[in-house]
PDB file of N, CA and C in Angstrom:
ATOM      1  N   MET A   1     -19.102   9.256   3.717  1.00  0.00           N
ATOM      2  CA  MET A   1     -19.152   7.964   4.350  1.00  0.00           C
ATOM      3  C   MET A   1     -18.799   8.060   5.833  1.00  0.00           C
ATOM      4  N   GLN A   2     -18.149   9.110   6.225  1.00  0.00           N
ATOM      5  CA  GLN A   2     -17.815   9.266   7.625  1.00  0.00           C
ATOM      6  C   GLN A   2     -19.061   9.718   8.390  1.00  0.00           C
ATOM      7  N   CYS A   3     -19.118   9.368   9.644  1.00  0.00           N
ATOM      8  CA  CYS A   3     -20.270   9.745  10.446  1.00  0.00           C
ATOM      9  C   CYS A   3     -19.798  10.162  11.828  1.00  0.00           C
ATOM     10  N   GLY A   4     -20.681  10.781  12.583  1.00  0.00           N
ATOM     11  CA  GLY A   4     -20.340  11.194  13.939  1.00  0.00           C
ATOM     12  C   GLY A   4     -19.436  12.413  13.973  1.00  0.00           C
ATOM     13  N   LYS A   5     -18.394  12.364  14.779  1.00  0.00           N
ATOM     14  CA  LYS A   5     -17.513  13.505  14.979  1.00  0.00           C
ATOM     15  C   LYS A   5     -16.236  13.417  14.163  1.00  0.00           C
ATOM     16  N   CYS A   6     -16.230  12.627  13.119  1.00  0.00           N
ATOM     17  CA  CYS A   6     -15.066  12.485  12.262  1.00  0.00           C
ATOM     18  C   CYS A   6     -14.812  13.819  11.554  1.00  0.00           C
ATOM     19  N   THR A   7     -13.568  14.273  11.562  1.00  0.00           N
ATOM     20  CA  THR A   7     -13.223  15.562  10.970  1.00  0.00           C
ATOM     21  C   THR A   7     -12.514  15.418   9.635  1.00  0.00           C
ATOM     22  N   CYS A   8     -12.490  14.241   9.076  1.00  0.00           N
ATOM     23  CA  CYS A   8     -11.821  13.999   7.791  1.00  0.00           C
ATOM     24  C   CYS A   8     -12.618  14.611   6.651  1.00  0.00           C
ATOM     25  N   PRO A   9     -11.967  14.979   5.542  1.00  0.00           N
ATOM     26  CA  PRO A   9     -12.694  15.473   4.374  1.00  0.00           C
ATOM     27  C   PRO A   9     -13.667  14.410   3.862  1.00  0.00           C
ATOM     28  N   PRO A  10     -14.834  14.797   3.378  1.00  0.00           N
ATOM     29  CA  PRO A  10     -15.841  13.816   2.962  1.00  0.00           C
ATOM     30  C   PRO A  10     -15.430  12.944   1.780  1.00  0.00           C
ATOM     31  N   GLY A  11     -14.534  13.377   0.920  1.00  0.00           N
ATOM     32  CA  GLY A  11     -14.138  12.588  -0.231  1.00  0.00           C
ATOM     33  C   GLY A  11     -13.050  11.577   0.052  1.00  0.00           C
ATOM     34  N   LEU A  12     -12.489  11.583   1.255  1.00  0.00           N
ATOM     35  CA  LEU A  12     -11.398  10.684   1.611  1.00  0.00           C
ATOM     36  C   LEU A  12     -11.933   9.290   1.916  1.00  0.00           C
ATOM     37  N   PRO A  13     -11.407   8.215   1.276  1.00  0.00           N
ATOM     38  CA  PRO A  13     -11.958   6.876   1.487  1.00  0.00           C
ATOM     39  C   PRO A  13     -11.525   6.227   2.797  1.00  0.00           C
ATOM     40  N   TYR A  14     -10.636   6.852   3.544  1.00  0.00           N
ATOM     41  CA  TYR A  14     -10.206   6.297   4.820  1.00  0.00           C
ATOM     42  C   TYR A  14     -10.111   7.407   5.848  1.00  0.00           C
ATOM     43  N   CYS A  15     -10.178   7.051   7.107  1.00  0.00           N
ATOM     44  CA  CYS A  15     -10.198   8.020   8.198  1.00  0.00           C
ATOM     45  C   CYS A  15      -8.774   8.325   8.653  1.00  0.00           C
ATOM     46  N   VAL A  16      -8.403   9.605   8.673  1.00  0.00           N
ATOM     47  CA  VAL A  16      -7.076  10.003   9.138  1.00  0.00           C
ATOM     48  C   VAL A  16      -7.127  10.598  10.538  1.00  0.00           C
ATOM     49  N   CYS A  17      -8.316  10.880  11.044  1.00  0.00           N
ATOM     50  CA  CYS A  17      -8.423  11.465  12.384  1.00  0.00           C
ATOM     51  C   CYS A  17      -8.578  10.392  13.464  1.00  0.00           C
ATOM     52  N   ASN A  18      -8.635   9.116  13.072  1.00  0.00           N
ATOM     53  CA  ASN A  18      -8.742   7.966  13.980  1.00  0.00           C
ATOM     54  C   ASN A  18     -10.007   7.970  14.836  1.00  0.00           C
ATOM     55  N   TYR A  19     -11.023   8.684  14.414  1.00  0.00           N
ATOM     56  CA  TYR A  19     -12.293   8.651  15.146  1.00  0.00           C
ATOM     57  C   TYR A  19     -13.096   7.418  14.758  1.00  0.00           C
ATOM     58  N   LYS A  20     -13.102   7.129  13.479  1.00  0.00           N
ATOM     59  CA  LYS A  20     -13.898   6.022  12.958  1.00  0.00           C
ATOM     60  C   LYS A  20     -13.092   4.727  13.053  1.00  0.00           C
ATOM     61  N   GLU A  21     -13.637   3.721  13.720  1.00  0.00           N
ATOM     62  CA  GLU A  21     -12.926   2.461  13.905  1.00  0.00           C
ATOM     63  C   GLU A  21     -13.004   1.568  12.671  1.00  0.00           C
ATOM     64  N   LYS A  22     -14.104   1.586  11.949  1.00  0.00           N
ATOM     65  CA  LYS A  22     -14.289   0.723  10.792  1.00  0.00           C
ATOM     66  C   LYS A  22     -13.606   1.340   9.571  1.00  0.00           C
ATOM     67  N   SER A  23     -12.713   0.593   8.957  1.00  0.00           N
ATOM     68  CA  SER A  23     -11.989   1.064   7.779  1.00  0.00           C
ATOM     69  C   SER A  23     -12.690   0.588   6.513  1.00  0.00           C
ATOM     70  N   LEU A  24     -12.590   1.367   5.453  1.00  0.00           N
ATOM     71  CA  LEU A  24     -13.187   0.993   4.178  1.00  0.00           C
ATOM     72  C   LEU A  24     -12.227   0.193   3.316  1.00  0.00           C
ATOM     73  N   GLY A  25     -10.951   0.075   3.744  1.00  0.00           N
ATOM     74  CA  GLY A  25      -9.970  -0.661   2.972  1.00  0.00           C
ATOM     75  C   GLY A  25      -8.578  -0.471   3.529  1.00  0.00           C
ATOM     76  N   ASN A  26      -7.570  -0.826   2.724  1.00  0.00           N
ATOM     77  CA  ASN A  26      -6.174  -0.734   3.143  1.00  0.00           C
ATOM     78  C   ASN A  26      -5.382   0.154   2.199  1.00  0.00           C
ATOM     79  N   ILE A  27      -4.464   0.921   2.748  1.00  0.00           N
ATOM     80  CA  ILE A  27      -3.546   1.711   1.950  1.00  0.00           C
ATOM     81  C   ILE A  27      -2.383   0.789   1.589  1.00  0.00           C
ATOM     82  N   ILE A  28      -2.135   0.582   0.297  1.00  0.00           N
ATOM     83  CA  ILE A  28      -1.098  -0.347  -0.150  1.00  0.00           C
ATOM     84  C   ILE A  28       0.282   0.286  -0.074  1.00  0.00           C
ATOM     85  N   ASN A  29       0.424   1.506  -0.557  1.00  0.00           N
ATOM     86  CA  ASN A  29       1.732   2.169  -0.503  1.00  0.00           C
ATOM     87  C   ASN A  29       1.619   3.436   0.332  1.00  0.00           C
ATOM     88  N   LYS A  30       2.600   3.687   1.195  1.00  0.00           N
ATOM     89  CA  LYS A  30       2.572   4.858   2.067  1.00  0.00           C
ATOM     90  C   LYS A  30       2.879   6.142   1.314  1.00  0.00           C
ATOM     91  N   LYS A  31       3.831   6.090   0.385  1.00  0.00           N
ATOM     92  CA  LYS A  31       4.206   7.271  -0.386  1.00  0.00           C
ATOM     93  C   LYS A  31       3.713   7.119  -1.818  1.00  0.00           C
ATOM     94  N   PRO A  32       3.321   8.218  -2.454  1.00  0.00           N
ATOM     95  CA  PRO A  32       2.871   8.111  -3.840  1.00  0.00           C
ATOM     96  C   PRO A  32       4.021   7.765  -4.782  1.00  0.00           C
ATOM     97  N   ILE A  33       3.699   7.056  -5.862  1.00  0.00           N
ATOM     98  CA  ILE A  33       4.677   6.698  -6.886  1.00  0.00           C
ATOM     99  C   ILE A  33       4.703   7.838  -7.902  1.00  0.00           C
ATOM    100  N   VAL A  34       5.894   8.367  -8.177  1.00  0.00           N
ATOM    101  CA  VAL A  34       6.045   9.477  -9.114  1.00  0.00           C
ATOM    102  C   VAL A  34       6.800   9.007 -10.356  1.00  0.00           C
ATOM    103  N   ALA A  35       6.748   9.812 -11.399  1.00  0.00           N
ATOM    104  CA  ALA A  35       7.394   9.461 -12.671  1.00  0.00           C
ATOM    105  C   ALA A  35       8.914   9.533 -12.547  1.00  0.00           C
ATOM    106  N   ASN A  36       9.609   8.628 -13.256  1.00  0.00           N
ATOM    107  CA  ASN A  36      11.076   8.642 -13.252  1.00  0.00           C
ATOM    108  C   ASN A  36      11.589   9.594 -14.336  1.00  0.00           C
ATOM    109  N   ASP A  37      12.902   9.753 -14.416  1.00  0.00           N
ATOM    110  CA  ASP A  37      13.509  10.694 -15.360  1.00  0.00           C
ATOM    111  C   ASP A  37      13.210  10.350 -16.812  1.00  0.00           C
ATOM    112  N   LYS A  38      13.222   9.062 -17.144  1.00  0.00           N
ATOM    113  CA  LYS A  38      12.952   8.643 -18.524  1.00  0.00           C
ATOM    114  C   LYS A  38      11.543   9.043 -18.947  1.00  0.00           C
ATOM    115  N   GLU A  39      10.577   8.812 -18.061  1.00  0.00           N
ATOM    116  CA  GLU A  39       9.202   9.155 -18.391  1.00  0.00           C
ATOM    117  C   GLU A  39       9.003  10.670 -18.477  1.00  0.00           C
ATOM    118  N   LEU A  40       9.703  11.428 -17.646  1.00  0.00           N
ATOM    119  CA  LEU A  40       9.596  12.884 -17.704  1.00  0.00           C
ATOM    120  C   LEU A  40      10.144  13.445 -19.011  1.00  0.00           C
ATOM    121  N   LYS A  41      11.196  12.810 -19.563  1.00  0.00           N
ATOM    122  CA  LYS A  41      11.735  13.250 -20.853  1.00  0.00           C
ATOM    123  C   LYS A  41      10.733  13.005 -21.977  1.00  0.00           C
ATOM    124  N   GLU A  42      10.034  11.871 -21.912  1.00  0.00           N
ATOM    125  CA  GLU A  42       9.061  11.523 -22.948  1.00  0.00           C
ATOM    126  C   GLU A  42       7.748  12.295 -22.801  1.00  0.00           C
ATOM    127  N   ASN A  43       7.353  12.574 -21.576  1.00  0.00           N
ATOM    128  CA  ASN A  43       6.060  13.211 -21.311  1.00  0.00           C
ATOM    129  C   ASN A  43       6.228  14.228 -20.183  1.00  0.00           C
ATOM    130  N   SER A  44       6.295  15.499 -20.518  1.00  0.00           N
ATOM    131  CA  SER A  44       6.535  16.538 -19.509  1.00  0.00           C
ATOM    132  C   SER A  44       5.347  16.718 -18.559  1.00  0.00           C
ATOM    133  N   ARG A  45       4.146  16.329 -18.986  1.00  0.00           N
ATOM    134  CA  ARG A  45       2.974  16.464 -18.114  1.00  0.00           C
ATOM    135  C   ARG A  45       2.963  15.441 -16.978  1.00  0.00           C
ATOM    136  N   ALA A  46       3.823  14.441 -17.053  1.00  0.00           N
ATOM    137  CA  ALA A  46       3.885  13.413 -16.013  1.00  0.00           C
ATOM    138  C   ALA A  46       4.529  13.935 -14.735  1.00  0.00           C
ATOM    139  N   GLN A  47       5.074  15.149 -14.773  1.00  0.00           N
ATOM    140  CA  GLN A  47       5.751  15.702 -13.601  1.00  0.00           C
ATOM    141  C   GLN A  47       4.791  15.861 -12.417  1.00  0.00           C
ATOM    142  N   SER A  48       3.537  16.180 -12.674  1.00  0.00           N
ATOM    143  CA  SER A  48       2.585  16.394 -11.594  1.00  0.00           C
ATOM    144  C   SER A  48       1.825  15.124 -11.207  1.00  0.00           C
ATOM    145  N   ALA A  49       2.040  14.023 -11.920  1.00  0.00           N
ATOM    146  CA  ALA A  49       1.300  12.784 -11.664  1.00  0.00           C
ATOM    147  C   ALA A  49       1.832  12.066 -10.429  1.00  0.00           C
ATOM    148  N   LYS A  50       0.903  11.596  -9.576  1.00  0.00           N
ATOM    149  CA  LYS A  50       1.251  10.818  -8.388  1.00  0.00           C
ATOM    150  C   LYS A  50       0.271   9.657  -8.279  1.00  0.00           C
ATOM    151  N   LEU A  51       0.799   8.444  -8.214  1.00  0.00           N
ATOM    152  CA  LEU A  51      -0.037   7.252  -8.138  1.00  0.00           C
ATOM    153  C   LEU A  51      -0.131   6.795  -6.688  1.00  0.00           C
ATOM    154  N   ARG A  52      -1.365   6.695  -6.203  1.00  0.00           N
ATOM    155  CA  ARG A  52      -1.611   6.184  -4.853  1.00  0.00           C
ATOM    156  C   ARG A  52      -2.490   4.950  -4.984  1.00  0.00           C
ATOM    157  N   ILE A  53      -2.223   3.918  -4.184  1.00  0.00           N
ATOM    158  CA  ILE A  53      -2.964   2.657  -4.301  1.00  0.00           C
ATOM    159  C   ILE A  53      -3.738   2.403  -3.008  1.00  0.00           C
ATOM    160  N   PHE A  54      -5.048   2.211  -3.148  1.00  0.00           N
ATOM    161  CA  PHE A  54      -5.941   1.932  -2.022  1.00  0.00           C
ATOM    162  C   PHE A  54      -6.793   0.728  -2.388  1.00  0.00           C
ATOM    163  N   GLU A  55      -6.801  -0.300  -1.546  1.00  0.00           N
ATOM    164  CA  GLU A  55      -7.554  -1.521  -1.806  1.00  0.00           C
ATOM    165  C   GLU A  55      -8.817  -1.512  -0.965  1.00  0.00           C
ATOM    166  N   LYS A  56      -9.983  -1.540  -1.624  1.00  0.00           N
ATOM    167  CA  LYS A  56     -11.255  -1.569  -0.914  1.00  0.00           C
ATOM    168  C   LYS A  56     -11.509  -2.949  -0.318  1.00  0.00           C
ATOM    169  N   LYS A  57     -12.184  -2.990   0.794  1.00  0.00           N
ATOM    170  CA  LYS A  57     -12.542  -4.269   1.430  1.00  0.00           C
ATOM    171  C   LYS A  57     -13.785  -4.828   0.814  1.00  0.00           C
TER     172      LYS A  57
END
């Protein structure tokens, strides 16, 4: 979706190099949400899970 001289990875839904002025949406949370201790005890595979929220325009 990026065009011109944008150097961002092609799969990224937003521009991090600030070349592209038009945004495809808003980042809701700056840091990813990770599993708490209770969830890690119940499900050990949740250790690598990270939830990121992006709202499309």
